[in-house]
Amino acid sequence: MTNTERPLSLHGFLRPRPERADEVRRTLSPFVGPTRQEPGNLEYHLHEHEDGRFFLYELWRSQENLDRHNATPPLRAFPENLSTHLEEDPEGYFDTMLSPYAETGPAPEQERPTAAPGGGPDV
């Protein structure tokens, strides 16, 4: 990753139909391990919220890495029947990470916060 590149995050919610929740869980869960092994994947998490929604959080080193991931056959096939399993359209967000990823250290243009009188960062 060059100094000017920032990791990309992809995150969102899927609300399954109650009768399809187990099937959605079984479909999403197997993506976790293999995705974490893909080149450029920094994080990949699947959460289940108490209201039944699934929350996905992905962090990728570059757009190229994310594009390669999205081109894999299992991911291309995933959305085919998605609408029949969900109560509503997926809610998704794609963002550029502003804070530096721990693996890469502080971005060159960022300075570390100075300690405030109470000992915490002065922000």
N, C-alpha and C. Protein backbone atom coordinates (compact mmCIF):
# COMPACT_ATOMS: atom_id res chain seq x y z
N MET A 1 0.85 -1.17 0.00
CA MET A 1 0.00 0.00 0.00
C MET A 1 0.89 1.23 0.00
N THR A 2 0.64 2.16 -0.90
CA THR A 2 1.42 3.38 -0.93
C THR A 2 0.92 4.33 0.15
N ASN A 3 1.69 5.37 0.41
CA ASN A 3 1.31 6.33 1.44
C ASN A 3 0.02 7.06 1.11
N THR A 4 -0.35 7.17 -0.17
CA THR A 4 -1.55 7.92 -0.53
C THR A 4 -2.80 7.04 -0.54
N GLU A 5 -2.64 5.72 -0.51
CA GLU A 5 -3.80 4.83 -0.50
C GLU A 5 -4.32 4.65 0.91
N ARG A 6 -5.60 4.49 1.02
CA ARG A 6 -6.26 4.23 2.30
C ARG A 6 -7.08 2.96 2.15
N PRO A 7 -7.18 2.18 3.21
CA PRO A 7 -8.04 1.00 3.13
C PRO A 7 -9.48 1.38 2.82
N LEU A 8 -10.18 0.47 2.18
CA LEU A 8 -11.59 0.66 1.83
C LEU A 8 -12.45 -0.23 2.71
N SER A 9 -13.52 0.33 3.21
CA SER A 9 -14.43 -0.48 4.03
C SER A 9 -15.76 -0.64 3.30
N LEU A 10 -16.33 -1.79 3.50
CA LEU A 10 -17.64 -2.12 2.97
C LEU A 10 -18.41 -2.67 4.16
N HIS A 11 -19.55 -2.08 4.45
CA HIS A 11 -20.33 -2.55 5.59
C HIS A 11 -21.81 -2.34 5.32
N GLY A 12 -22.60 -3.20 5.92
CA GLY A 12 -24.03 -3.06 5.70
C GLY A 12 -24.84 -4.10 6.44
N PHE A 13 -26.15 -3.95 6.31
CA PHE A 13 -27.10 -4.82 7.00
C PHE A 13 -27.94 -5.59 6.00
N LEU A 14 -28.24 -6.82 6.37
CA LEU A 14 -29.18 -7.66 5.63
C LEU A 14 -30.25 -8.10 6.62
N ARG A 15 -31.52 -7.88 6.28
CA ARG A 15 -32.61 -8.30 7.16
C ARG A 15 -33.31 -9.49 6.49
N PRO A 16 -33.03 -10.69 6.98
CA PRO A 16 -33.64 -11.86 6.35
C PRO A 16 -35.12 -12.00 6.73
N ARG A 17 -35.87 -12.64 5.86
CA ARG A 17 -37.23 -13.03 6.22
C ARG A 17 -37.09 -14.02 7.37
N PRO A 18 -37.93 -13.94 8.39
CA PRO A 18 -37.77 -14.83 9.56
C PRO A 18 -37.65 -16.31 9.19
N GLU A 19 -38.42 -16.74 8.22
CA GLU A 19 -38.38 -18.16 7.82
C GLU A 19 -37.12 -18.51 7.02
N ARG A 20 -36.35 -17.51 6.62
CA ARG A 20 -35.13 -17.72 5.84
C ARG A 20 -33.86 -17.38 6.61
N ALA A 21 -33.98 -16.97 7.88
CA ALA A 21 -32.82 -16.51 8.66
C ALA A 21 -31.74 -17.59 8.77
N ASP A 22 -32.13 -18.82 9.06
CA ASP A 22 -31.13 -19.89 9.18
C ASP A 22 -30.41 -20.12 7.86
N GLU A 23 -31.15 -20.06 6.77
CA GLU A 23 -30.55 -20.27 5.46
C GLU A 23 -29.56 -19.14 5.12
N VAL A 24 -29.94 -17.90 5.44
CA VAL A 24 -29.04 -16.77 5.20
C VAL A 24 -27.78 -16.92 6.05
N ARG A 25 -27.94 -17.31 7.30
CA ARG A 25 -26.79 -17.52 8.19
C ARG A 25 -25.86 -18.60 7.62
N ARG A 26 -26.45 -19.70 7.16
CA ARG A 26 -25.64 -20.80 6.59
C ARG A 26 -24.96 -20.38 5.28
N THR A 27 -25.56 -19.45 4.57
CA THR A 27 -24.97 -18.96 3.32
C THR A 27 -23.82 -18.00 3.59
N LEU A 28 -24.00 -17.11 4.56
CA LEU A 28 -22.99 -16.08 4.82
C LEU A 28 -21.78 -16.61 5.60
N SER A 29 -22.01 -17.48 6.56
CA SER A 29 -20.93 -17.93 7.46
C SER A 29 -19.73 -18.54 6.74
N PRO A 30 -19.93 -19.36 5.72
CA PRO A 30 -18.75 -19.95 5.05
C PRO A 30 -17.87 -18.96 4.31
N PHE A 31 -18.32 -17.74 4.09
CA PHE A 31 -17.49 -16.74 3.41
C PHE A 31 -16.37 -16.22 4.31
N VAL A 32 -16.56 -16.28 5.62
CA VAL A 32 -15.64 -15.62 6.54
C VAL A 32 -14.21 -16.13 6.41
N GLY A 33 -13.98 -17.41 6.65
CA GLY A 33 -12.62 -17.96 6.63
C GLY A 33 -11.88 -17.76 5.33
N PRO A 34 -12.46 -18.18 4.20
CA PRO A 34 -11.75 -18.01 2.93
C PRO A 34 -11.49 -16.54 2.57
N THR A 35 -12.44 -15.67 2.88
CA THR A 35 -12.25 -14.25 2.56
C THR A 35 -11.10 -13.67 3.35
N ARG A 36 -10.95 -14.07 4.60
CA ARG A 36 -9.85 -13.56 5.43
C ARG A 36 -8.49 -13.99 4.89
N GLN A 37 -8.45 -15.03 4.07
CA GLN A 37 -7.20 -15.52 3.49
C GLN A 37 -6.88 -14.87 2.15
N GLU A 38 -7.80 -14.11 1.59
CA GLU A 38 -7.58 -13.51 0.28
C GLU A 38 -6.55 -12.38 0.35
N PRO A 39 -5.75 -12.24 -0.70
CA PRO A 39 -4.78 -11.13 -0.73
C PRO A 39 -5.51 -9.79 -0.61
N GLY A 40 -5.01 -8.94 0.26
CA GLY A 40 -5.58 -7.61 0.42
C GLY A 40 -6.70 -7.50 1.43
N ASN A 41 -7.18 -8.63 1.95
CA ASN A 41 -8.23 -8.53 2.97
C ASN A 41 -7.59 -8.23 4.31
N LEU A 42 -8.04 -7.16 4.95
CA LEU A 42 -7.52 -6.78 6.26
C LEU A 42 -8.46 -7.24 7.37
N GLU A 43 -9.76 -7.20 7.10
CA GLU A 43 -10.75 -7.66 8.09
C GLU A 43 -11.99 -8.11 7.35
N TYR A 44 -12.65 -9.11 7.92
CA TYR A 44 -13.94 -9.57 7.39
C TYR A 44 -14.71 -10.13 8.57
N HIS A 45 -15.83 -9.50 8.87
CA HIS A 45 -16.60 -9.90 10.05
C HIS A 45 -18.08 -10.03 9.70
N LEU A 46 -18.70 -11.02 10.30
CA LEU A 46 -20.14 -11.24 10.18
C LEU A 46 -20.72 -11.19 11.58
N HIS A 47 -21.72 -10.35 11.77
CA HIS A 47 -22.38 -10.21 13.06
C HIS A 47 -23.86 -10.50 12.89
N GLU A 48 -24.49 -10.96 13.95
CA GLU A 48 -25.94 -11.10 13.96
C GLU A 48 -26.48 -10.20 15.06
N HIS A 49 -27.28 -9.25 14.68
CA HIS A 49 -27.86 -8.28 15.62
C HIS A 49 -29.05 -8.92 16.33
N GLU A 50 -29.37 -8.43 17.52
CA GLU A 50 -30.47 -8.99 18.30
C GLU A 50 -31.82 -8.86 17.60
N ASP A 51 -31.96 -7.94 16.65
CA ASP A 51 -33.22 -7.80 15.93
C ASP A 51 -33.30 -8.72 14.71
N GLY A 52 -32.30 -9.58 14.51
CA GLY A 52 -32.32 -10.54 13.42
C GLY A 52 -31.55 -10.12 12.19
N ARG A 53 -31.10 -8.86 12.14
CA ARG A 53 -30.32 -8.43 10.98
C ARG A 53 -28.91 -8.99 11.06
N PHE A 54 -28.32 -9.19 9.89
CA PHE A 54 -26.92 -9.55 9.80
C PHE A 54 -26.15 -8.30 9.41
N PHE A 55 -25.00 -8.10 10.04
CA PHE A 55 -24.13 -6.97 9.75
C PHE A 55 -22.83 -7.52 9.22
N LEU A 56 -22.42 -7.03 8.07
CA LEU A 56 -21.15 -7.42 7.46
C LEU A 56 -20.20 -6.24 7.50
N TYR A 57 -18.95 -6.52 7.84
CA TYR A 57 -17.92 -5.48 7.83
C TYR A 57 -16.69 -6.06 7.14
N GLU A 58 -16.25 -5.38 6.09
CA GLU A 58 -15.07 -5.79 5.34
C GLU A 58 -14.11 -4.61 5.26
N LEU A 59 -12.84 -4.91 5.31
CA LEU A 59 -11.81 -3.89 5.14
C LEU A 59 -10.78 -4.44 4.16
N TRP A 60 -10.55 -3.67 3.10
CA TRP A 60 -9.67 -4.11 2.01
C TRP A 60 -8.54 -3.11 1.82
N ARG A 61 -7.38 -3.62 1.48
CA ARG A 61 -6.19 -2.81 1.27
C ARG A 61 -6.37 -1.87 0.07
N SER A 62 -7.08 -2.33 -0.97
CA SER A 62 -7.23 -1.51 -2.17
C SER A 62 -8.51 -1.89 -2.91
N GLN A 63 -8.90 -1.01 -3.82
CA GLN A 63 -10.05 -1.29 -4.69
C GLN A 63 -9.79 -2.52 -5.54
N GLU A 64 -8.56 -2.66 -6.00
CA GLU A 64 -8.19 -3.81 -6.81
C GLU A 64 -8.43 -5.12 -6.05
N ASN A 65 -8.05 -5.15 -4.78
CA ASN A 65 -8.27 -6.35 -3.96
C ASN A 65 -9.77 -6.63 -3.79
N LEU A 66 -10.55 -5.59 -3.54
CA LEU A 66 -11.99 -5.76 -3.38
C LEU A 66 -12.63 -6.23 -4.68
N ASP A 67 -12.22 -5.66 -5.79
CA ASP A 67 -12.76 -6.08 -7.09
C ASP A 67 -12.46 -7.55 -7.36
N ARG A 68 -11.24 -7.98 -7.03
CA ARG A 68 -10.86 -9.38 -7.23
C ARG A 68 -11.73 -10.29 -6.36
N HIS A 69 -11.97 -9.87 -5.13
CA HIS A 69 -12.83 -10.63 -4.22
C HIS A 69 -14.25 -10.74 -4.78
N ASN A 70 -14.79 -9.62 -5.24
CA ASN A 70 -16.17 -9.61 -5.74
C ASN A 70 -16.33 -10.40 -7.04
N ALA A 71 -15.23 -10.68 -7.72
CA ALA A 71 -15.28 -11.44 -8.98
C ALA A 71 -15.22 -12.95 -8.76
N THR A 72 -15.02 -13.39 -7.52
CA THR A 72 -14.94 -14.83 -7.27
C THR A 72 -16.31 -15.46 -7.54
N PRO A 73 -16.34 -16.68 -8.07
CA PRO A 73 -17.62 -17.32 -8.40
C PRO A 73 -18.62 -17.39 -7.23
N PRO A 74 -18.21 -17.72 -6.01
CA PRO A 74 -19.22 -17.77 -4.94
C PRO A 74 -19.89 -16.41 -4.69
N LEU A 75 -19.12 -15.34 -4.79
CA LEU A 75 -19.72 -14.02 -4.56
C LEU A 75 -20.55 -13.55 -5.73
N ARG A 76 -20.18 -13.92 -6.93
CA ARG A 76 -21.01 -13.56 -8.08
C ARG A 76 -22.34 -14.29 -8.03
N ALA A 77 -22.35 -15.51 -7.51
CA ALA A 77 -23.59 -16.29 -7.44
C ALA A 77 -24.46 -15.89 -6.24
N PHE A 78 -23.87 -15.33 -5.21
CA PHE A 78 -24.59 -15.02 -3.98
C PHE A 78 -25.84 -14.17 -4.17
N PRO A 79 -25.79 -13.05 -4.91
CA PRO A 79 -26.97 -12.18 -4.98
C PRO A 79 -28.12 -12.71 -5.84
N GLU A 80 -27.92 -13.81 -6.54
CA GLU A 80 -28.94 -14.30 -7.48
C GLU A 80 -30.32 -14.43 -6.85
N ASN A 81 -30.43 -15.06 -5.69
CA ASN A 81 -31.72 -15.26 -5.05
C ASN A 81 -31.85 -14.47 -3.76
N LEU A 82 -31.01 -13.48 -3.60
CA LEU A 82 -30.98 -12.72 -2.35
C LEU A 82 -32.33 -12.08 -2.03
N SER A 83 -32.99 -11.50 -3.01
CA SER A 83 -34.24 -10.79 -2.73
C SER A 83 -35.32 -11.72 -2.18
N THR A 84 -35.29 -12.98 -2.53
CA THR A 84 -36.31 -13.91 -2.02
C THR A 84 -36.04 -14.29 -0.56
N HIS A 85 -34.85 -13.96 -0.07
CA HIS A 85 -34.47 -14.30 1.31
C HIS A 85 -34.55 -13.12 2.27
N LEU A 86 -34.72 -11.91 1.72
CA LEU A 86 -34.67 -10.71 2.55
C LEU A 86 -36.03 -10.01 2.61
N GLU A 87 -36.27 -9.35 3.74
CA GLU A 87 -37.49 -8.57 3.91
C GLU A 87 -37.41 -7.23 3.20
N GLU A 88 -36.20 -6.71 3.00
CA GLU A 88 -35.99 -5.41 2.38
C GLU A 88 -34.67 -5.42 1.65
N ASP A 89 -34.45 -4.40 0.84
CA ASP A 89 -33.18 -4.29 0.13
C ASP A 89 -32.04 -4.20 1.13
N PRO A 90 -30.88 -4.75 0.79
CA PRO A 90 -29.72 -4.61 1.68
C PRO A 90 -29.37 -3.13 1.88
N GLU A 91 -28.89 -2.82 3.05
CA GLU A 91 -28.43 -1.47 3.36
C GLU A 91 -26.92 -1.53 3.40
N GLY A 92 -26.25 -0.92 2.43
CA GLY A 92 -24.80 -1.05 2.35
C GLY A 92 -24.10 0.28 2.18
N TYR A 93 -22.85 0.31 2.63
CA TYR A 93 -22.03 1.51 2.58
C TYR A 93 -20.62 1.13 2.14
N PHE A 94 -20.04 1.99 1.35
CA PHE A 94 -18.69 1.80 0.85
C PHE A 94 -17.94 3.08 1.18
N ASP A 95 -16.87 2.96 1.94
CA ASP A 95 -16.16 4.15 2.41
C ASP A 95 -14.65 3.99 2.31
N THR A 96 -13.96 5.12 2.27
CA THR A 96 -12.52 5.15 2.39
C THR A 96 -12.19 5.42 3.85
N MET A 97 -11.33 4.63 4.41
CA MET A 97 -10.97 4.76 5.82
C MET A 97 -10.09 5.99 6.02
N LEU A 98 -10.50 6.88 6.92
CA LEU A 98 -9.71 8.09 7.18
C LEU A 98 -8.63 7.86 8.21
N SER A 99 -8.95 7.10 9.25
CA SER A 99 -7.94 6.82 10.26
C SER A 99 -7.00 5.75 9.72
N PRO A 100 -5.73 5.81 10.08
CA PRO A 100 -4.79 4.81 9.57
C PRO A 100 -5.10 3.44 10.12
N TYR A 101 -4.90 2.43 9.30
CA TYR A 101 -5.06 1.06 9.74
C TYR A 101 -3.83 0.71 10.58
N ALA A 102 -4.03 0.03 11.68
CA ALA A 102 -2.95 -0.25 12.63
C ALA A 102 -1.74 -0.91 11.97
N GLU A 103 -1.96 -1.76 11.00
CA GLU A 103 -0.87 -2.47 10.33
C GLU A 103 0.06 -1.51 9.60
N THR A 104 -0.46 -0.40 9.12
CA THR A 104 0.34 0.50 8.31
C THR A 104 0.93 1.66 9.09
N GLY A 105 0.48 1.88 10.32
CA GLY A 105 0.97 2.98 11.13
C GLY A 105 0.32 4.28 10.73
N PRO A 106 0.69 5.37 11.39
CA PRO A 106 0.08 6.66 11.09
C PRO A 106 0.40 7.10 9.67
N ALA A 107 -0.58 7.72 9.05
CA ALA A 107 -0.36 8.28 7.72
C ALA A 107 0.64 9.44 7.85
N PRO A 108 1.46 9.66 6.85
CA PRO A 108 2.50 10.69 6.95
C PRO A 108 1.97 12.07 7.29
N GLU A 109 0.79 12.43 6.79
CA GLU A 109 0.28 13.78 7.03
C GLU A 109 -0.41 13.91 8.38
N GLN A 110 -0.51 12.84 9.15
CA GLN A 110 -1.17 12.90 10.45
C GLN A 110 -0.14 12.95 11.56
N GLU A 111 -0.42 13.77 12.53
CA GLU A 111 0.43 13.83 13.70
C GLU A 111 -0.28 13.14 14.84
N ARG A 112 0.49 12.62 15.74
CA ARG A 112 -0.11 12.01 16.93
C ARG A 112 -0.65 13.10 17.82
N PRO A 113 -1.83 12.85 18.45
CA PRO A 113 -2.37 13.87 19.35
C PRO A 113 -1.46 14.06 20.55
N THR A 114 -1.41 15.29 21.03
CA THR A 114 -0.65 15.56 22.24
C THR A 114 -1.50 15.24 23.45
N ALA A 115 -0.87 14.93 24.54
CA ALA A 115 -1.61 14.58 25.73
C ALA A 115 -2.29 15.82 26.31
N ALA A 116 -3.56 15.67 26.65
CA ALA A 116 -4.32 16.74 27.30
C ALA A 116 -3.96 16.74 28.78
N PRO A 117 -4.31 17.79 29.52
CA PRO A 117 -3.99 17.83 30.96
C PRO A 117 -4.47 16.59 31.71
N GLY A 118 -5.56 15.96 31.29
CA GLY A 118 -6.06 14.79 31.99
C GLY A 118 -5.37 13.50 31.57
N GLY A 119 -4.42 13.57 30.66
CA GLY A 119 -3.67 12.39 30.24
C GLY A 119 -4.16 11.79 28.93
N GLY A 120 -5.36 12.15 28.46
CA GLY A 120 -5.88 11.61 27.21
C GLY A 120 -5.43 12.45 26.04
N PRO A 121 -5.80 12.04 24.84
CA PRO A 121 -5.41 12.83 23.67
C PRO A 121 -6.12 14.19 23.67
N ASP A 122 -5.43 15.19 23.18
CA ASP A 122 -5.96 16.53 23.09
C ASP A 122 -6.58 16.67 21.70
N VAL A 123 -7.85 16.31 21.58
CA VAL A 123 -8.52 16.38 20.28
C VAL A 123 -9.70 17.30 20.31
